[in-house]
Amino acid sequence: MNLIPYLVALLLAFIVEALVEYHLAPIVKLLETKWGFLYDLELAKYVTLLVGVPLAFAYGLDLIMTYLGATPKPAWIGIVVTGYAISRGANFLHDMAKKYLGLST
C-alpha cells in the first residue's frame, strides 16, 4: 500500500492546524469579539476549510480513490472530501487511518 498520499495529507493537516492556531486564530478571535454573532458560527472551522480544500487541490489528493479505488463523478468531489479531512486536522486523519484503513502509523 502506497503511504505517500496519506503522509502528504497528514503533513498538510499539521500545516493547516499550525496556520490557523498560530496565525489566523488571533484574527478570528478579534473578529468574534467585535461581532459577537461570529462566535456562534465557529468561524475557525470555515477558515480551516478555506485553507485545507485548496491545499488538497494543489496536491491533487484524493484519499478515497487512492485507498479504496472509488472515483466519484465528478472526480473533484474526492479531492474536496480529502480537503475537508485535512481541514479537520492531523488527529482526525490519524484516527481515520487507524480505524478505517488499517494503517498503524
Protein backbone atom coordinates (compact mmCIF):
# COMPACT_ATOMS: atom_id res chain seq x y z
CA MET A 1 0.00 0.00 0.00
CA ASN A 2 1.36 3.41 -1.00
CA LEU A 3 1.51 5.60 2.09
CA ILE A 4 2.84 8.71 0.35
CA PRO A 5 -0.61 10.33 -0.29
CA TYR A 6 -1.62 9.67 3.31
CA LEU A 7 1.64 11.12 4.64
CA VAL A 8 1.25 14.21 2.44
CA ALA A 9 -2.32 14.68 3.70
CA LEU A 10 -1.14 14.22 7.30
CA LEU A 11 1.63 16.78 6.83
CA LEU A 12 -0.81 19.23 5.24
CA ALA A 13 -3.19 18.71 8.18
CA PHE A 14 -0.38 19.64 10.58
CA ILE A 15 0.38 22.72 8.49
CA VAL A 16 -3.28 23.78 8.42
CA GLU A 17 -3.54 23.38 12.20
CA ALA A 18 -0.40 25.45 12.71
CA LEU A 19 -1.53 28.18 10.32
CA VAL A 20 -4.94 28.52 11.90
CA GLU A 21 -3.90 28.17 15.54
CA TYR A 22 -0.87 30.42 15.49
CA HIS A 23 -1.52 32.93 12.74
CA LEU A 24 -5.22 33.15 12.00
CA ALA A 25 -6.74 32.41 15.42
CA PRO A 26 -5.92 35.87 16.82
CA ILE A 27 -7.63 37.49 13.84
CA VAL A 28 -10.66 35.20 14.20
CA LYS A 29 -10.88 35.98 17.93
CA LEU A 30 -10.65 39.70 17.22
CA LEU A 31 -13.48 39.45 14.69
CA GLU A 32 -15.57 37.36 17.09
CA THR A 33 -15.02 39.96 19.82
CA LYS A 34 -16.02 42.80 17.53
CA TRP A 35 -19.02 41.00 16.04
CA GLY A 36 -20.41 38.60 18.66
CA PHE A 37 -22.60 36.64 16.23
CA LEU A 38 -19.44 35.23 14.59
CA TYR A 39 -18.64 33.36 17.80
CA ASP A 40 -21.73 31.18 17.35
CA LEU A 41 -20.69 30.38 13.77
CA GLU A 42 -17.36 28.94 14.94
CA LEU A 43 -15.52 30.87 12.27
CA ALA A 44 -12.25 28.96 12.72
CA LYS A 45 -13.84 25.83 11.20
CA TYR A 46 -14.58 27.70 8.00
CA VAL A 47 -11.13 29.25 7.93
CA THR A 48 -9.56 25.77 8.07
CA LEU A 49 -11.81 24.69 5.18
CA LEU A 50 -10.64 27.70 3.17
CA VAL A 51 -7.07 26.52 3.70
CA GLY A 52 -7.45 22.71 3.59
CA VAL A 53 -9.53 22.29 0.43
CA PRO A 54 -7.28 24.42 -1.81
CA LEU A 55 -4.25 22.54 -0.49
CA ALA A 56 -5.86 19.22 -1.42
CA PHE A 57 -6.49 20.59 -4.93
CA ALA A 58 -2.94 21.93 -5.18
CA TYR A 59 -1.52 18.49 -4.42
CA GLY A 60 -4.24 16.53 -6.21
CA LEU A 61 -5.01 14.45 -3.12
CA ASP A 62 -7.96 12.08 -3.17
CA LEU A 63 -7.52 9.60 -0.33
CA ILE A 64 -10.74 7.73 -1.10
CA MET A 65 -9.63 6.99 -4.66
CA THR A 66 -6.09 6.17 -3.52
CA TYR A 67 -7.03 3.64 -0.86
CA LEU A 68 -10.42 2.34 -1.95
CA GLY A 69 -10.20 2.75 -5.72
CA ALA A 70 -13.55 4.53 -5.81
CA THR A 71 -13.75 7.60 -8.04
CA PRO A 72 -16.82 9.81 -7.71
CA LYS A 73 -18.35 11.58 -10.65
CA PRO A 74 -17.27 14.35 -10.87
CA ALA A 75 -13.81 13.33 -9.72
CA TRP A 76 -13.09 16.59 -7.89
CA ILE A 77 -15.53 15.59 -5.12
CA GLY A 78 -12.95 13.16 -3.74
CA ILE A 79 -10.42 15.98 -3.54
CA VAL A 80 -12.94 18.19 -1.70
CA VAL A 81 -13.63 15.39 0.80
CA THR A 82 -9.88 14.94 1.32
CA GLY A 83 -9.52 18.71 1.79
CA TYR A 84 -12.24 18.58 4.40
CA ALA A 85 -10.36 15.79 6.20
CA ILE A 86 -7.17 17.87 6.04
CA SER A 87 -9.05 20.83 7.49
CA ARG A 88 -10.23 18.72 10.41
CA GLY A 89 -6.60 18.25 11.46
CA ALA A 90 -3.90 15.68 11.87
CA ASN A 91 -5.55 13.83 14.77
CA PHE A 92 -8.67 13.28 12.67
CA LEU A 93 -6.66 11.87 9.75
CA HIS A 94 -4.60 9.66 12.03
CA ASP A 95 -7.69 8.23 13.76
CA MET A 96 -9.40 7.67 10.40
CA ALA A 97 -6.38 5.84 9.00
CA LYS A 98 -6.12 3.58 12.03
CA LYS A 99 -9.83 2.81 12.22
CA TYR A 100 -10.86 2.54 8.57
CA LEU A 101 -7.72 1.95 6.54
CA GLY A 102 -5.96 -0.38 8.94
CA LEU A 103 -2.82 1.76 8.94
CA SER A 104 -0.82 1.83 12.13
CA THR A 105 1.42 4.85 11.72
